[in-house]
C-alpha atoms as a PDB file:
ATOM      1  CA  UNK A   1    -172.959 -11.842  97.638  1.00  0.00           C
ATOM      2  CA  UNK A   2    -170.051  -9.559  95.812  1.00  0.00           C
ATOM      3  CA  UNK A   3    -168.045 -10.637  98.821  1.00  0.00           C
ATOM      4  CA  UNK A   4    -168.696 -14.008  98.092  1.00  0.00           C
ATOM      5  CA  UNK A   5    -167.955 -13.836  94.587  1.00  0.00           C
ATOM      6  CA  UNK A   6    -164.529 -12.260  95.217  1.00  0.00           C
ATOM      7  CA  UNK A   7    -163.717 -14.736  97.653  1.00  0.00           C
ATOM      8  CA  UNK A   8    -164.192 -17.299  95.438  1.00  0.00           C
ATOM      9  CA  UNK A   9    -162.435 -15.382  92.596  1.00  0.00           C
ATOM     10  CA  UNK A  10    -159.456 -15.203  95.010  1.00  0.00           C
ATOM     11  CA  UNK A  11    -159.602 -18.528  96.323  1.00  0.00           C
ATOM     12  CA  UNK A  12    -159.501 -19.517  92.786  1.00  0.00           C
ATOM     13  CA  UNK A  13    -156.472 -17.579  91.973  1.00  0.00           C
ATOM     14  CA  UNK A  14    -154.474 -19.060  95.081  1.00  0.00           C
ATOM     15  CA  UNK A  15    -155.547 -22.424  94.146  1.00  0.00           C
ATOM     16  CA  UNK A  16    -154.525 -22.063  90.426  1.00  0.00           C
ATOM     17  CA  UNK A  17    -151.155 -20.430  91.015  1.00  0.00           C
ATOM     18  CA  UNK A  18    -150.190 -22.757  94.139  1.00  0.00           C
ATOM     19  CA  UNK A  19    -148.483 -24.949  91.771  1.00  0.00           C
ATOM     20  CA  UNK A  20    -146.576 -22.401  89.710  1.00  0.00           C
ATOM     21  CA  UNK A  21    -145.545 -20.793  93.277  1.00  0.00           C
ATOM     22  CA  UNK A  22    -144.314 -24.355  94.913  1.00  0.00           C
ATOM     23  CA  UNK A  23    -142.874 -25.186  91.402  1.00  0.00           C
ATOM     24  CA  UNK A  24    -140.646 -22.026  91.144  1.00  0.00           C
ATOM     25  CA  UNK A  25    -139.174 -22.600  94.814  1.00  0.00           C
ATOM     26  CA  UNK A  26    -137.339 -25.570  94.399  1.00  0.00           C
ATOM     27  CA  UNK A  27    -135.619 -24.479  90.788  1.00  0.00           C
ATOM     28  CA  UNK A  28    -134.613 -21.584  92.775  1.00  0.00           C
ATOM     29  CA  UNK A  29    -133.279 -23.241  95.578  1.00  0.00           C
ATOM     30  CA  UNK A  30    -131.511 -25.490  93.314  1.00  0.00           C
ATOM     31  CA  UNK A  31    -130.079 -23.063  91.380  1.00  0.00           C
ATOM     32  CA  UNK A  32    -128.930 -21.789  94.984  1.00  0.00           C
ATOM     33  CA  UNK A  33    -127.345 -25.087  95.854  1.00  0.00           C
ATOM     34  CA  UNK A  34    -125.195 -25.395  92.703  1.00  0.00           C
ATOM     35  CA  UNK A  35    -121.965 -24.513  93.488  1.00  0.00           C
ATOM     36  CA  UNK A  36    -119.627 -24.145  90.457  1.00  0.00           C
ATOM     37  CA  UNK A  37    -115.847 -25.360  91.080  1.00  0.00           C
ATOM     38  CA  UNK A  38    -113.292 -23.025  90.444  1.00  0.00           C
ATOM     39  CA  UNK A  39    -111.052 -24.971  88.049  1.00  0.00           C
ATOM     40  CA  UNK A  40    -108.268 -23.005  85.703  1.00  0.00           C
ATOM     41  CA  UNK A  41    -107.639 -24.713  82.723  1.00  0.00           C
ATOM     42  CA  UNK A  42    -103.822 -24.870  81.628  1.00  0.00           C
ATOM     43  CA  UNK A  43    -103.395 -23.806  78.303  1.00  0.00           C
ATOM     44  CA  UNK A  44    -102.001 -26.298  75.792  1.00  0.00           C
ATOM     45  CA  UNK A  45     -98.228 -26.229  75.212  1.00  0.00           C
ATOM     46  CA  UNK A  46     -96.865 -24.451  72.505  1.00  0.00           C
ATOM     47  CA  UNK A  47     -95.928 -26.475  68.992  1.00  0.00           C
ATOM     48  CA  UNK A  48     -92.416 -27.294  68.818  1.00  0.00           C
ATOM     49  CA  UNK A  49     -90.477 -28.693  65.643  1.00  0.00           C
ATOM     50  CA  UNK A  50     -87.019 -30.108  66.349  1.00  0.00           C
ATOM     51  CA  UNK A  51     -85.205 -30.725  62.431  1.00  0.00           C
ATOM     52  CA  UNK A  52     -82.915 -33.131  64.102  1.00  0.00           C
ATOM     53  CA  UNK A  53     -80.486 -32.009  61.016  1.00  0.00           C
ATOM     54  CA  UNK A  54     -83.523 -32.324  58.341  1.00  0.00           C
ATOM     55  CA  UNK A  55     -85.168 -29.564  56.393  1.00  0.00           C
ATOM     56  CA  UNK A  56     -87.814 -27.765  58.118  1.00  0.00           C
ATOM     57  CA  UNK A  57     -91.125 -28.806  56.215  1.00  0.00           C
ATOM     58  CA  UNK A  58     -92.810 -25.592  57.175  1.00  0.00           C
ATOM     59  CA  UNK A  59     -90.370 -23.570  55.564  1.00  0.00           C
ATOM     60  CA  UNK A  60     -91.014 -22.175  52.380  1.00  0.00           C
ATOM     61  CA  UNK A  61     -88.851 -23.695  49.046  1.00  0.00           C
ATOM     62  CA  UNK A  62     -89.356 -20.714  47.318  1.00  0.00           C
ATOM     63  CA  UNK A  63     -88.867 -18.095  49.681  1.00  0.00           C
ATOM     64  CA  UNK A  64     -92.136 -16.625  49.374  1.00  0.00           C
ATOM     65  CA  UNK A  65     -91.887 -15.972  45.567  1.00  0.00           C
ATOM     66  CA  UNK A  66     -93.915 -17.608  42.896  1.00  0.00           C
ATOM     67  CA  UNK A  67     -92.342 -19.480  40.227  1.00  0.00           C
ATOM     68  CA  UNK A  68     -93.281 -17.145  37.460  1.00  0.00           C
ATOM     69  CA  UNK A  69     -91.722 -13.994  39.503  1.00  0.00           C
ATOM     70  CA  UNK A  70     -88.190 -16.531  39.256  1.00  0.00           C
ATOM     71  CA  UNK A  71     -88.577 -16.598  35.714  1.00  0.00           C
ATOM     72  CA  UNK A  72     -89.491 -13.351  34.824  1.00  0.00           C
ATOM     73  CA  UNK A  73     -86.500 -11.758  37.081  1.00  0.00           C
ATOM     74  CA  UNK A  74     -84.296 -13.537  34.833  1.00  0.00           C
ATOM     75  CA  UNK A  75     -85.176 -16.720  34.142  1.00  0.00           C
ATOM     76  CA  UNK A  76     -86.094 -17.084  30.255  1.00  0.00           C
ATOM     77  CA  UNK A  77     -83.180 -14.951  29.406  1.00  0.00           C
ATOM     78  CA  UNK A  78     -80.952 -17.460  30.986  1.00  0.00           C
ATOM     79  CA  UNK A  79     -82.071 -20.698  29.379  1.00  0.00           C
ATOM     80  CA  UNK A  80     -80.399 -21.921  26.290  1.00  0.00           C
ATOM     81  CA  UNK A  81     -82.811 -23.741  23.720  1.00  0.00           C
ATOM     82  CA  UNK A  82     -80.367 -26.856  24.344  1.00  0.00           C
ATOM     83  CA  UNK A  83     -81.744 -27.030  28.068  1.00  0.00           C
ATOM     84  CA  UNK A  84     -85.515 -27.159  26.997  1.00  0.00           C
ATOM     85  CA  UNK A  85     -87.392 -29.883  27.272  1.00  0.00           C
ATOM     86  CA  UNK A  86     -91.063 -30.271  26.238  1.00  0.00           C
ATOM     87  CA  UNK A  87     -93.604 -31.009  28.376  1.00  0.00           C
ATOM     88  CA  UNK A  88     -96.830 -30.281  27.116  1.00  0.00           C
ATOM     89  CA  UNK A  89     -98.644 -27.640  24.961  1.00  0.00           C
ATOM     90  CA  UNK A  90    -101.805 -25.941  26.087  1.00  0.00           C
ATOM     91  CA  UNK A  91    -104.442 -23.450  24.740  1.00  0.00           C
ATOM     92  CA  UNK A  92    -104.974 -20.385  27.029  1.00  0.00           C
ATOM     93  CA  UNK A  93    -107.384 -17.527  25.712  1.00  0.00           C
ATOM     94  CA  UNK A  94    -107.384 -18.953  22.338  1.00  0.00           C
ATOM     95  CA  UNK A  95    -103.472 -19.338  21.877  1.00  0.00           C
ATOM     96  CA  UNK A  96    -101.318 -22.287  22.347  1.00  0.00           C
ATOM     97  CA  UNK A  97     -98.781 -22.143  24.485  1.00  0.00           C
ATOM     98  CA  UNK A  98     -96.153 -24.539  25.545  1.00  0.00           C
ATOM     99  CA  UNK A  99     -95.258 -26.023  28.632  1.00  0.00           C
ATOM    100  CA  UNK A 100     -91.411 -26.723  29.089  1.00  0.00           C
ATOM    101  CA  UNK A 101     -88.934 -27.788  31.910  1.00  0.00           C
ATOM    102  CA  UNK A 102     -85.642 -26.491  32.302  1.00  0.00           C
ATOM    103  CA  UNK A 103     -82.604 -27.959  34.558  1.00  0.00           C
ATOM    104  CA  UNK A 104     -84.043 -26.819  37.663  1.00  0.00           C
ATOM    105  CA  UNK A 105     -87.445 -28.576  36.716  1.00  0.00           C
ATOM    106  CA  UNK A 106     -89.636 -25.966  37.291  1.00  0.00           C
ATOM    107  CA  UNK A 107     -92.338 -25.836  34.384  1.00  0.00           C
ATOM    108  CA  UNK A 108     -92.382 -22.414  32.376  1.00  0.00           C
ATOM    109  CA  UNK A 109     -95.037 -21.454  30.167  1.00  0.00           C
ATOM    110  CA  UNK A 110     -93.858 -20.184  26.711  1.00  0.00           C
ATOM    111  CA  UNK A 111     -95.695 -18.322  23.700  1.00  0.00           C
ATOM    112  CA  UNK A 112     -94.341 -17.326  20.183  1.00  0.00           C
ATOM    113  CA  UNK A 113     -91.980 -14.364  20.427  1.00  0.00           C
ATOM    114  CA  UNK A 114     -90.678 -15.229  23.872  1.00  0.00           C
ATOM    115  CA  UNK A 115     -86.870 -14.618  24.033  1.00  0.00           C
ATOM    116  CA  UNK A 116     -84.480 -17.169  25.090  1.00  0.00           C
ATOM    117  CA  UNK A 117     -80.636 -16.736  26.142  1.00  0.00           C
ATOM    118  CA  UNK A 118     -79.921 -18.059  22.402  1.00  0.00           C
ATOM    119  CA  UNK A 119     -83.220 -17.300  20.357  1.00  0.00           C
ATOM    120  CA  UNK A 120     -86.769 -16.879  20.695  1.00  0.00           C
ATOM    121  CA  UNK A 121     -89.968 -19.262  20.449  1.00  0.00           C
ATOM    122  CA  UNK A 122     -90.845 -18.625  16.254  1.00  0.00           C
ATOM    123  CA  UNK A 123     -93.783 -20.913  16.602  1.00  0.00           C
ATOM    124  CA  UNK A 124     -96.689 -23.167  18.586  1.00  0.00           C
ATOM    125  CA  UNK A 125     -98.672 -25.730  17.178  1.00  0.00           C
ATOM    126  CA  UNK A 126    -100.563 -28.402  18.685  1.00  0.00           C
ATOM    127  CA  UNK A 127     -97.552 -31.053  18.450  1.00  0.00           C
ATOM    128  CA  UNK A 128     -94.463 -29.109  18.416  1.00  0.00           C
ATOM    129  CA  UNK A 129     -92.805 -26.051  18.924  1.00  0.00           C
ATOM    130  CA  UNK A 130     -90.223 -24.350  16.863  1.00  0.00           C
ATOM    131  CA  UNK A 131     -87.651 -21.931  18.380  1.00  0.00           C
ATOM    132  CA  UNK A 132     -85.228 -19.993  16.304  1.00  0.00           C
ATOM    133  CA  UNK A 133     -81.317 -20.045  17.506  1.00  0.00           C
ATOM    134  CA  UNK A 134     -79.624 -17.151  16.569  1.00  0.00           C
ATOM    135  CA  UNK A 135     -76.781 -17.190  19.378  1.00  0.00           C
ATOM    136  CA  UNK A 136     -74.706 -19.810  19.851  1.00  0.00           C
ATOM    137  CA  UNK A 137     -72.704 -19.661  23.214  1.00  0.00           C
ATOM    138  CA  UNK A 138     -73.467 -16.147  23.011  1.00  0.00           C
ATOM    139  CA  UNK A 139     -71.988 -15.595  19.704  1.00  0.00           C
ATOM    140  CA  UNK A 140     -74.212 -14.449  16.978  1.00  0.00           C
ATOM    141  CA  UNK A 141     -74.799 -16.843  14.370  1.00  0.00           C
ATOM    142  CA  UNK A 142     -74.523 -16.135  10.804  1.00  0.00           C
ATOM    143  CA  UNK A 143     -77.637 -17.865   9.871  1.00  0.00           C
ATOM    144  CA  UNK A 144     -80.105 -18.619  12.060  1.00  0.00           C
ATOM    145  CA  UNK A 145     -80.824 -22.180  12.746  1.00  0.00           C
ATOM    146  CA  UNK A 146     -84.581 -23.624  13.595  1.00  0.00           C
ATOM    147  CA  UNK A 147     -84.768 -26.215  16.282  1.00  0.00           C
ATOM    148  CA  UNK A 148     -88.029 -28.291  16.439  1.00  0.00           C
ATOM    149  CA  UNK A 149     -89.377 -30.142  19.701  1.00  0.00           C
ATOM    150  CA  UNK A 150     -91.921 -32.353  19.147  1.00  0.00           C
ATOM    151  CA  UNK A 151     -94.363 -33.894  21.804  1.00  0.00           C
ATOM    152  CA  UNK A 152     -94.254 -37.877  21.326  1.00  0.00           C
ATOM    153  CA  UNK A 153     -97.704 -39.601  20.035  1.00  0.00           C
ATOM    154  CA  UNK A 154     -97.983 -41.021  23.892  1.00  0.00           C
ATOM    155  CA  UNK A 155     -98.349 -37.575  25.286  1.00  0.00           C
ATOM    156  CA  UNK A 156    -101.049 -36.243  23.362  1.00  0.00           C
END
């Protein structure tokens, strides 16, 4: 009787395991039959640019320098009060600063006390900047002159 139970158990296991065993054989055979083609992909060509007598758009116009570095290296000390155009006034860190543009066209921020070639910034208010001109063409003035640059009402 024990042998009969063991035989029935073995038959049941074989019968249950038969679908799994047969299901794995085709997958293994299919995996062996798959042939991967040996395709070598060509590397894409490197990008090139022909300027054809035009400015290279990928070249840095400032030469890697920041605008403030150019101004700090001698920019404000070379700017005359008469060359300045007042562009705007902003409040930064609780203090008013003026945004000016010079002949080069780069915007520069100036605050009260900044030195220029022929004077300094005397004061900055919400609508105007007062410059004190102490020199004229390199010659010291006997009496300093105040130059006021205002923002027009349309720009406010």
